[in-house]
């Protein structure tokens, strides 16, 4: 069984232009620039701790960005289609509400700072590492913590799939965060699997630390619940012509 968040019940008062631009830029960077270079190009755009902390050198053909600049280029680069798809979907789900509650310029700086914090946290765990780190996960982790602090009771309409059974159900943000946090802790305690869990942790801590200063003054933490959640909200999902599930989006506060 797996579940997939489709959208939340959080309305916004403004269009998330910065979030859309970030998502569009990362897609253009990955598909139009990164994939147009050989696989070893990841060493040029990725964050390599040994370069920043010990001055490790790259071949001239890959020495395109300085070690400090790769703290940012690593954020917009990814290791594969599923990697970028997962990160950008979370950014799409959460970014509109966060941009709405911070303002556009503050939201942009918030995302960048969370991403850099995540990369540095990863680097400090092994300063001599020569393995390039890429991904928007640090920034996304900061967005997750900020969102759950502002809207712990907001509901996400989630698609649940169990073999041939499809259901949707409203799940509170705090419950989804708990599952995410459990996965991160389990990953840290288990054998290495190639996931930069400490980058996630660093970005999450940065998000929690920054959101009190980046949110608009009138915005409160722990926003009230807008819709019901749990088993009472479970609904069957129809299949059209045997293809992907079709979920009708209700009118109302779903944003």
C-alpha atoms as a PDB file:
ATOM      1  CA  UNK A   1       0.000   0.000   0.000  1.00  0.00           C
ATOM      2  CA  UNK A   2       1.138   3.551  -0.651  1.00  0.00           C
ATOM      3  CA  UNK A   3      -0.420   6.981  -0.429  1.00  0.00           C
ATOM      4  CA  UNK A   4       0.147  10.089  -2.496  1.00  0.00           C
ATOM      5  CA  UNK A   5      -0.866  13.650  -1.476  1.00  0.00           C
ATOM      6  CA  UNK A   6      -2.867  15.330  -4.231  1.00  0.00           C
ATOM      7  CA  UNK A   7      -3.623  18.787  -2.840  1.00  0.00           C
ATOM      8  CA  UNK A   8      -4.370  20.560   0.418  1.00  0.00           C
ATOM      9  CA  UNK A   9      -7.343  22.483   1.794  1.00  0.00           C
ATOM     10  CA  UNK A  10      -5.375  25.689   2.286  1.00  0.00           C
ATOM     11  CA  UNK A  11      -6.651  28.731   0.351  1.00  0.00           C
ATOM     12  CA  UNK A  12      -4.250  31.464  -0.759  1.00  0.00           C
ATOM     13  CA  UNK A  13      -4.790  35.161  -1.398  1.00  0.00           C
ATOM     14  CA  UNK A  14      -2.093  35.563  -4.054  1.00  0.00           C
ATOM     15  CA  UNK A  15      -0.605  33.671  -6.963  1.00  0.00           C
ATOM     16  CA  UNK A  16       2.631  31.813  -6.097  1.00  0.00           C
ATOM     17  CA  UNK A  17       4.693  33.373  -8.880  1.00  0.00           C
ATOM     18  CA  UNK A  18       8.063  32.765  -7.212  1.00  0.00           C
ATOM     19  CA  UNK A  19       7.222  29.133  -6.520  1.00  0.00           C
ATOM     20  CA  UNK A  20       6.159  28.634 -10.130  1.00  0.00           C
ATOM     21  CA  UNK A  21       9.330  30.331 -11.368  1.00  0.00           C
ATOM     22  CA  UNK A  22      11.501  28.138  -9.123  1.00  0.00           C
ATOM     23  CA  UNK A  23       9.807  24.979 -10.351  1.00  0.00           C
ATOM     24  CA  UNK A  24      10.035  26.098 -13.973  1.00  0.00           C
ATOM     25  CA  UNK A  25      13.689  27.074 -13.625  1.00  0.00           C
ATOM     26  CA  UNK A  26      14.632  23.728 -12.077  1.00  0.00           C
ATOM     27  CA  UNK A  27      12.853  21.837 -14.837  1.00  0.00           C
ATOM     28  CA  UNK A  28      14.620  23.926 -17.491  1.00  0.00           C
ATOM     29  CA  UNK A  29      17.971  23.506 -15.720  1.00  0.00           C
ATOM     30  CA  UNK A  30      17.626  19.751 -15.398  1.00  0.00           C
ATOM     31  CA  UNK A  31      16.101  18.857 -18.762  1.00  0.00           C
ATOM     32  CA  UNK A  32      17.619  21.632 -20.836  1.00  0.00           C
ATOM     33  CA  UNK A  33      21.073  21.983 -19.285  1.00  0.00           C
ATOM     34  CA  UNK A  34      22.112  19.212 -16.916  1.00  0.00           C
ATOM     35  CA  UNK A  35      20.942  16.302 -19.091  1.00  0.00           C
ATOM     36  CA  UNK A  36      22.655  17.868 -22.093  1.00  0.00           C
ATOM     37  CA  UNK A  37      26.039  17.170 -20.493  1.00  0.00           C
ATOM     38  CA  UNK A  38      27.802  13.857 -19.792  1.00  0.00           C
ATOM     39  CA  UNK A  39      27.073  12.032 -16.485  1.00  0.00           C
ATOM     40  CA  UNK A  40      30.288  13.285 -14.871  1.00  0.00           C
ATOM     41  CA  UNK A  41      28.915  16.832 -15.183  1.00  0.00           C
ATOM     42  CA  UNK A  42      27.267  16.202 -11.821  1.00  0.00           C
ATOM     43  CA  UNK A  43      30.704  16.819 -10.291  1.00  0.00           C
ATOM     44  CA  UNK A  44      30.641  20.334 -11.745  1.00  0.00           C
ATOM     45  CA  UNK A  45      27.215  21.328 -10.415  1.00  0.00           C
ATOM     46  CA  UNK A  46      27.061  19.202  -7.271  1.00  0.00           C
ATOM     47  CA  UNK A  47      28.238  20.282  -3.837  1.00  0.00           C
ATOM     48  CA  UNK A  48      31.445  18.418  -2.938  1.00  0.00           C
ATOM     49  CA  UNK A  49      32.421  18.969   0.721  1.00  0.00           C
ATOM     50  CA  UNK A  50      36.114  18.301   0.090  1.00  0.00           C
ATOM     51  CA  UNK A  51      36.220  21.193  -2.397  1.00  0.00           C
ATOM     52  CA  UNK A  52      34.756  23.674   0.080  1.00  0.00           C
ATOM     53  CA  UNK A  53      36.584  22.577   3.213  1.00  0.00           C
ATOM     54  CA  UNK A  54      39.921  21.306   1.891  1.00  0.00           C
ATOM     55  CA  UNK A  55      40.294  22.854  -1.551  1.00  0.00           C
ATOM     56  CA  UNK A  56      40.067  19.585  -3.466  1.00  0.00           C
ATOM     57  CA  UNK A  57      40.385  20.199  -7.194  1.00  0.00           C
ATOM     58  CA  UNK A  58      38.395  19.025 -10.179  1.00  0.00           C
ATOM     59  CA  UNK A  59      39.593  18.435 -13.738  1.00  0.00           C
ATOM     60  CA  UNK A  60      39.643  21.689 -15.688  1.00  0.00           C
ATOM     61  CA  UNK A  61      36.673  20.594 -17.808  1.00  0.00           C
ATOM     62  CA  UNK A  62      34.518  20.253 -14.675  1.00  0.00           C
ATOM     63  CA  UNK A  63      35.843  23.220 -12.702  1.00  0.00           C
ATOM     64  CA  UNK A  64      33.005  25.494 -13.839  1.00  0.00           C
ATOM     65  CA  UNK A  65      31.536  26.758 -10.575  1.00  0.00           C
ATOM     66  CA  UNK A  66      33.353  27.713  -7.396  1.00  0.00           C
ATOM     67  CA  UNK A  67      32.748  25.507  -4.316  1.00  0.00           C
ATOM     68  CA  UNK A  68      30.582  28.204  -2.696  1.00  0.00           C
ATOM     69  CA  UNK A  69      28.474  28.643  -5.833  1.00  0.00           C
ATOM     70  CA  UNK A  70      27.815  24.891  -5.945  1.00  0.00           C
ATOM     71  CA  UNK A  71      25.896  25.296  -2.687  1.00  0.00           C
ATOM     72  CA  UNK A  72      23.243  26.815  -4.962  1.00  0.00           C
ATOM     73  CA  UNK A  73      23.778  24.920  -8.233  1.00  0.00           C
ATOM     74  CA  UNK A  74      23.475  21.668  -6.273  1.00  0.00           C
ATOM     75  CA  UNK A  75      20.006  22.747  -5.143  1.00  0.00           C
ATOM     76  CA  UNK A  76      18.645  23.014  -8.670  1.00  0.00           C
ATOM     77  CA  UNK A  77      20.401  19.885  -9.989  1.00  0.00           C
ATOM     78  CA  UNK A  78      19.068  16.362  -9.504  1.00  0.00           C
ATOM     79  CA  UNK A  79      20.136  12.762  -9.747  1.00  0.00           C
ATOM     80  CA  UNK A  80      17.283  11.415 -11.863  1.00  0.00           C
ATOM     81  CA  UNK A  81      13.696  11.905 -12.990  1.00  0.00           C
ATOM     82  CA  UNK A  82      12.079  10.507  -9.829  1.00  0.00           C
ATOM     83  CA  UNK A  83      14.385  12.665  -7.721  1.00  0.00           C
ATOM     84  CA  UNK A  84      13.343  15.913  -9.368  1.00  0.00           C
ATOM     85  CA  UNK A  85       9.696  14.856  -9.678  1.00  0.00           C
ATOM     86  CA  UNK A  86       9.406  14.112  -5.954  1.00  0.00           C
ATOM     87  CA  UNK A  87      11.065  17.347  -4.865  1.00  0.00           C
ATOM     88  CA  UNK A  88       9.119  19.561  -7.227  1.00  0.00           C
ATOM     89  CA  UNK A  89       5.789  17.952  -6.322  1.00  0.00           C
ATOM     90  CA  UNK A  90       6.344  18.761  -2.642  1.00  0.00           C
ATOM     91  CA  UNK A  91       7.390  22.292  -3.585  1.00  0.00           C
ATOM     92  CA  UNK A  92       4.210  22.601  -5.648  1.00  0.00           C
ATOM     93  CA  UNK A  93       2.044  21.395  -2.754  1.00  0.00           C
ATOM     94  CA  UNK A  94       3.548  23.621  -0.066  1.00  0.00           C
ATOM     95  CA  UNK A  95       5.138  26.574  -1.803  1.00  0.00           C
ATOM     96  CA  UNK A  96       1.954  28.464  -2.655  1.00  0.00           C
ATOM     97  CA  UNK A  97       0.855  28.741   0.976  1.00  0.00           C
ATOM     98  CA  UNK A  98       4.326  29.596   2.251  1.00  0.00           C
ATOM     99  CA  UNK A  99       4.840  32.284  -0.383  1.00  0.00           C
ATOM    100  CA  UNK A 100       1.422  33.673   0.489  1.00  0.00           C
ATOM    101  CA  UNK A 101       2.310  33.897   4.201  1.00  0.00           C
ATOM    102  CA  UNK A 102       5.850  35.271   3.733  1.00  0.00           C
ATOM    103  CA  UNK A 103       5.682  37.439   0.651  1.00  0.00           C
ATOM    104  CA  UNK A 104       7.514  36.766  -2.577  1.00  0.00           C
ATOM    105  CA  UNK A 105      11.014  38.078  -1.859  1.00  0.00           C
ATOM    106  CA  UNK A 106      11.158  36.610   1.649  1.00  0.00           C
ATOM    107  CA  UNK A 107       9.948  33.265   0.324  1.00  0.00           C
ATOM    108  CA  UNK A 108      12.731  33.203  -2.270  1.00  0.00           C
ATOM    109  CA  UNK A 109      15.403  33.908   0.340  1.00  0.00           C
ATOM    110  CA  UNK A 110      13.825  31.395   2.716  1.00  0.00           C
ATOM    111  CA  UNK A 111      14.058  28.626   0.117  1.00  0.00           C
ATOM    112  CA  UNK A 112      17.654  29.465  -0.789  1.00  0.00           C
ATOM    113  CA  UNK A 113      18.775  29.633   2.846  1.00  0.00           C
ATOM    114  CA  UNK A 114      17.116  26.319   3.699  1.00  0.00           C
ATOM    115  CA  UNK A 115      18.774  24.675   0.713  1.00  0.00           C
ATOM    116  CA  UNK A 116      22.199  26.044   1.605  1.00  0.00           C
ATOM    117  CA  UNK A 117      21.748  25.023   5.253  1.00  0.00           C
ATOM    118  CA  UNK A 118      20.866  21.491   4.165  1.00  0.00           C
ATOM    119  CA  UNK A 119      23.912  21.249   1.922  1.00  0.00           C
ATOM    120  CA  UNK A 120      26.212  22.518   4.664  1.00  0.00           C
ATOM    121  CA  UNK A 121      24.725  20.138   7.225  1.00  0.00           C
ATOM    122  CA  UNK A 122      25.455  17.287   4.849  1.00  0.00           C
ATOM    123  CA  UNK A 123      28.981  18.588   4.273  1.00  0.00           C
ATOM    124  CA  UNK A 124      29.791  18.868   7.980  1.00  0.00           C
ATOM    125  CA  UNK A 125      28.979  15.173   8.485  1.00  0.00           C
ATOM    126  CA  UNK A 126      31.936  14.279   6.229  1.00  0.00           C
ATOM    127  CA  UNK A 127      34.052  17.255   5.262  1.00  0.00           C
ATOM    128  CA  UNK A 128      36.442  15.100   3.240  1.00  0.00           C
ATOM    129  CA  UNK A 129      33.763  13.560   1.046  1.00  0.00           C
ATOM    130  CA  UNK A 130      34.367  13.817  -2.693  1.00  0.00           C
ATOM    131  CA  UNK A 131      30.887  12.590  -3.604  1.00  0.00           C
ATOM    132  CA  UNK A 132      28.748  15.341  -5.186  1.00  0.00           C
ATOM    133  CA  UNK A 133      25.466  16.207  -3.479  1.00  0.00           C
ATOM    134  CA  UNK A 134      22.558  17.358  -5.640  1.00  0.00           C
ATOM    135  CA  UNK A 135      18.886  17.977  -5.034  1.00  0.00           C
ATOM    136  CA  UNK A 136      16.292  20.431  -3.768  1.00  0.00           C
ATOM    137  CA  UNK A 137      15.611  18.229  -0.742  1.00  0.00           C
ATOM    138  CA  UNK A 138      17.189  20.554   1.821  1.00  0.00           C
ATOM    139  CA  UNK A 139      14.986  23.436   0.687  1.00  0.00           C
ATOM    140  CA  UNK A 140      11.942  21.165   0.529  1.00  0.00           C
ATOM    141  CA  UNK A 141      12.611  19.927   4.072  1.00  0.00           C
ATOM    142  CA  UNK A 142      12.655  23.515   5.280  1.00  0.00           C
ATOM    143  CA  UNK A 143       9.341  24.078   3.532  1.00  0.00           C
ATOM    144  CA  UNK A 144       7.881  21.002   5.229  1.00  0.00           C
ATOM    145  CA  UNK A 145       8.804  22.203   8.733  1.00  0.00           C
ATOM    146  CA  UNK A 146       7.603  25.738   8.074  1.00  0.00           C
ATOM    147  CA  UNK A 147       4.318  24.481   6.655  1.00  0.00           C
ATOM    148  CA  UNK A 148       3.597  22.132   9.531  1.00  0.00           C
ATOM    149  CA  UNK A 149       4.358  24.888  12.058  1.00  0.00           C
ATOM    150  CA  UNK A 150       1.919  27.252  10.344  1.00  0.00           C
ATOM    151  CA  UNK A 151      -0.739  24.718   9.320  1.00  0.00           C
ATOM    152  CA  UNK A 152      -0.442  21.499  11.371  1.00  0.00           C
ATOM    153  CA  UNK A 153      -4.188  20.849  11.042  1.00  0.00           C
ATOM    154  CA  UNK A 154      -4.466  21.560   7.323  1.00  0.00           C
ATOM    155  CA  UNK A 155      -5.659  18.498   5.442  1.00  0.00           C
ATOM    156  CA  UNK A 156      -4.173  16.899   2.368  1.00  0.00           C
ATOM    157  CA  UNK A 157      -6.403  14.949   0.044  1.00  0.00           C
ATOM    158  CA  UNK A 158      -4.373  11.766  -0.370  1.00  0.00           C
ATOM    159  CA  UNK A 159      -4.754   8.909  -2.813  1.00  0.00           C
ATOM    160  CA  UNK A 160      -4.401   5.485  -1.192  1.00  0.00           C
ATOM    161  CA  UNK A 161      -3.660   2.473  -3.384  1.00  0.00           C
ATOM    162  CA  UNK A 162      -3.869  -1.090  -2.130  1.00  0.00           C
ATOM    163  CA  UNK A 163      -3.545  -3.576  -4.998  1.00  0.00           C
ATOM    164  CA  UNK A 164      -6.612  -2.715  -7.147  1.00  0.00           C
ATOM    165  CA  UNK A 165      -8.371  -0.654  -4.481  1.00  0.00           C
ATOM    166  CA  UNK A 166      -8.217   3.122  -4.756  1.00  0.00           C
ATOM    167  CA  UNK A 167      -9.450   5.518  -2.097  1.00  0.00           C
ATOM    168  CA  UNK A 168      -8.956   9.170  -1.241  1.00  0.00           C
ATOM    169  CA  UNK A 169      -8.852  10.441   2.315  1.00  0.00           C
ATOM    170  CA  UNK A 170      -8.089  13.688   4.108  1.00  0.00           C
ATOM    171  CA  UNK A 171      -4.928  13.414   6.203  1.00  0.00           C
ATOM    172  CA  UNK A 172      -3.712  16.221   8.523  1.00  0.00           C
ATOM    173  CA  UNK A 173      -0.365  17.805   7.711  1.00  0.00           C
ATOM    174  CA  UNK A 174       0.999  16.888  11.141  1.00  0.00           C
ATOM    175  CA  UNK A 175       0.307  13.190  10.492  1.00  0.00           C
ATOM    176  CA  UNK A 176       2.059  13.294   7.109  1.00  0.00           C
ATOM    177  CA  UNK A 177       4.970  15.120   8.719  1.00  0.00           C
ATOM    178  CA  UNK A 178       5.200  12.410  11.395  1.00  0.00           C
ATOM    179  CA  UNK A 179       5.496   9.742   8.702  1.00  0.00           C
ATOM    180  CA  UNK A 180       8.119  11.786   6.875  1.00  0.00           C
ATOM    181  CA  UNK A 181      10.099  12.356  10.077  1.00  0.00           C
ATOM    182  CA  UNK A 182       9.942   8.641  10.906  1.00  0.00           C
ATOM    183  CA  UNK A 183      11.363   7.857   7.467  1.00  0.00           C
ATOM    184  CA  UNK A 184      14.196  10.337   7.945  1.00  0.00           C
ATOM    185  CA  UNK A 185      15.136   8.976  11.375  1.00  0.00           C
ATOM    186  CA  UNK A 186      14.957   5.398  10.108  1.00  0.00           C
ATOM    187  CA  UNK A 187      17.190   6.341   7.197  1.00  0.00           C
ATOM    188  CA  UNK A 188      19.821   7.899   9.457  1.00  0.00           C
ATOM    189  CA  UNK A 189      19.881   4.835  11.711  1.00  0.00           C
ATOM    190  CA  UNK A 190      19.959   2.262   8.894  1.00  0.00           C
ATOM    191  CA  UNK A 191      22.714   1.298   6.476  1.00  0.00           C
ATOM    192  CA  UNK A 192      23.677   3.995   3.930  1.00  0.00           C
ATOM    193  CA  UNK A 193      21.333   4.023   0.948  1.00  0.00           C
ATOM    194  CA  UNK A 194      22.586   7.028  -1.011  1.00  0.00           C
ATOM    195  CA  UNK A 195      20.047   9.469   0.449  1.00  0.00           C
ATOM    196  CA  UNK A 196      21.458  12.621   2.084  1.00  0.00           C
ATOM    197  CA  UNK A 197      19.372  12.476   5.256  1.00  0.00           C
ATOM    198  CA  UNK A 198      21.528  15.050   7.035  1.00  0.00           C
ATOM    199  CA  UNK A 199      20.814  17.521   4.240  1.00  0.00           C
ATOM    200  CA  UNK A 200      17.122  16.987   4.947  1.00  0.00           C
ATOM    201  CA  UNK A 201      17.722  17.502   8.664  1.00  0.00           C
ATOM    202  CA  UNK A 202      19.723  20.684   8.119  1.00  0.00           C
ATOM    203  CA  UNK A 203      17.101  22.140   5.817  1.00  0.00           C
ATOM    204  CA  UNK A 204      14.315  21.217   8.247  1.00  0.00           C
ATOM    205  CA  UNK A 205      16.069  22.868  11.202  1.00  0.00           C
ATOM    206  CA  UNK A 206      16.681  25.976   9.105  1.00  0.00           C
ATOM    207  CA  UNK A 207      13.030  26.096   8.081  1.00  0.00           C
ATOM    208  CA  UNK A 208      11.861  25.859  11.688  1.00  0.00           C
ATOM    209  CA  UNK A 209      14.345  28.514  12.814  1.00  0.00           C
ATOM    210  CA  UNK A 210      13.615  30.960   9.984  1.00  0.00           C
ATOM    211  CA  UNK A 211       9.833  30.850   9.691  1.00  0.00           C
ATOM    212  CA  UNK A 212       9.175  33.018  12.807  1.00  0.00           C
ATOM    213  CA  UNK A 213      11.216  35.815  11.185  1.00  0.00           C
ATOM    214  CA  UNK A 214      10.108  35.328   7.579  1.00  0.00           C
ATOM    215  CA  UNK A 215       6.338  35.052   7.989  1.00  0.00           C
ATOM    216  CA  UNK A 216       4.262  38.199   7.798  1.00  0.00           C
ATOM    217  CA  UNK A 217       3.637  39.790  11.215  1.00  0.00           C
ATOM    218  CA  UNK A 218      -0.112  39.068  11.217  1.00  0.00           C
ATOM    219  CA  UNK A 219       0.337  35.389  10.326  1.00  0.00           C
ATOM    220  CA  UNK A 220      -0.174  33.074  13.307  1.00  0.00           C
ATOM    221  CA  UNK A 221       1.135  29.584  13.932  1.00  0.00           C
ATOM    222  CA  UNK A 222      -1.218  26.600  14.253  1.00  0.00           C
ATOM    223  CA  UNK A 223      -3.901  27.819  11.866  1.00  0.00           C
ATOM    224  CA  UNK A 224      -7.398  26.464  12.548  1.00  0.00           C
ATOM    225  CA  UNK A 225      -8.727  23.319  10.918  1.00  0.00           C
ATOM    226  CA  UNK A 226     -10.866  23.926   7.824  1.00  0.00           C
ATOM    227  CA  UNK A 227     -12.168  20.484   6.870  1.00  0.00           C
ATOM    228  CA  UNK A 228     -12.763  17.050   8.346  1.00  0.00           C
ATOM    229  CA  UNK A 229     -10.117  14.338   8.241  1.00  0.00           C
ATOM    230  CA  UNK A 230      -9.773  10.610   8.849  1.00  0.00           C
ATOM    231  CA  UNK A 231     -11.800   7.569   7.818  1.00  0.00           C
ATOM    232  CA  UNK A 232     -15.037   9.556   7.577  1.00  0.00           C
ATOM    233  CA  UNK A 233     -13.614  11.357   4.536  1.00  0.00           C
ATOM    234  CA  UNK A 234     -12.665   8.181   2.631  1.00  0.00           C
ATOM    235  CA  UNK A 235     -14.082   8.063  -0.888  1.00  0.00           C
ATOM    236  CA  UNK A 236     -13.932   5.580  -3.717  1.00  0.00           C
ATOM    237  CA  UNK A 237     -11.990   6.584  -6.800  1.00  0.00           C
ATOM    238  CA  UNK A 238     -13.391   5.835 -10.225  1.00  0.00           C
ATOM    239  CA  UNK A 239     -11.267   4.445 -13.038  1.00  0.00           C
ATOM    240  CA  UNK A 240     -11.952   5.781 -16.496  1.00  0.00           C
ATOM    241  CA  UNK A 241     -11.414   3.292 -19.306  1.00  0.00           C
ATOM    242  CA  UNK A 242      -9.107   1.300 -17.079  1.00  0.00           C
ATOM    243  CA  UNK A 243      -6.523   4.074 -16.923  1.00  0.00           C
ATOM    244  CA  UNK A 244      -5.242   6.197 -14.071  1.00  0.00           C
ATOM    245  CA  UNK A 245      -7.530   7.069 -11.144  1.00  0.00           C
ATOM    246  CA  UNK A 246      -9.784  10.067 -11.659  1.00  0.00           C
ATOM    247  CA  UNK A 247     -10.447  12.247  -8.639  1.00  0.00           C
ATOM    248  CA  UNK A 248     -12.912  15.110  -8.863  1.00  0.00           C
ATOM    249  CA  UNK A 249     -11.737  18.120  -6.946  1.00  0.00           C
ATOM    250  CA  UNK A 250     -14.472  19.563  -4.746  1.00  0.00           C
ATOM    251  CA  UNK A 251     -15.311  23.232  -4.722  1.00  0.00           C
ATOM    252  CA  UNK A 252     -14.568  25.077  -1.517  1.00  0.00           C
ATOM    253  CA  UNK A 253     -11.361  25.904   0.312  1.00  0.00           C
ATOM    254  CA  UNK A 254      -9.136  23.339  -1.383  1.00  0.00           C
ATOM    255  CA  UNK A 255      -6.142  25.304  -2.629  1.00  0.00           C
END
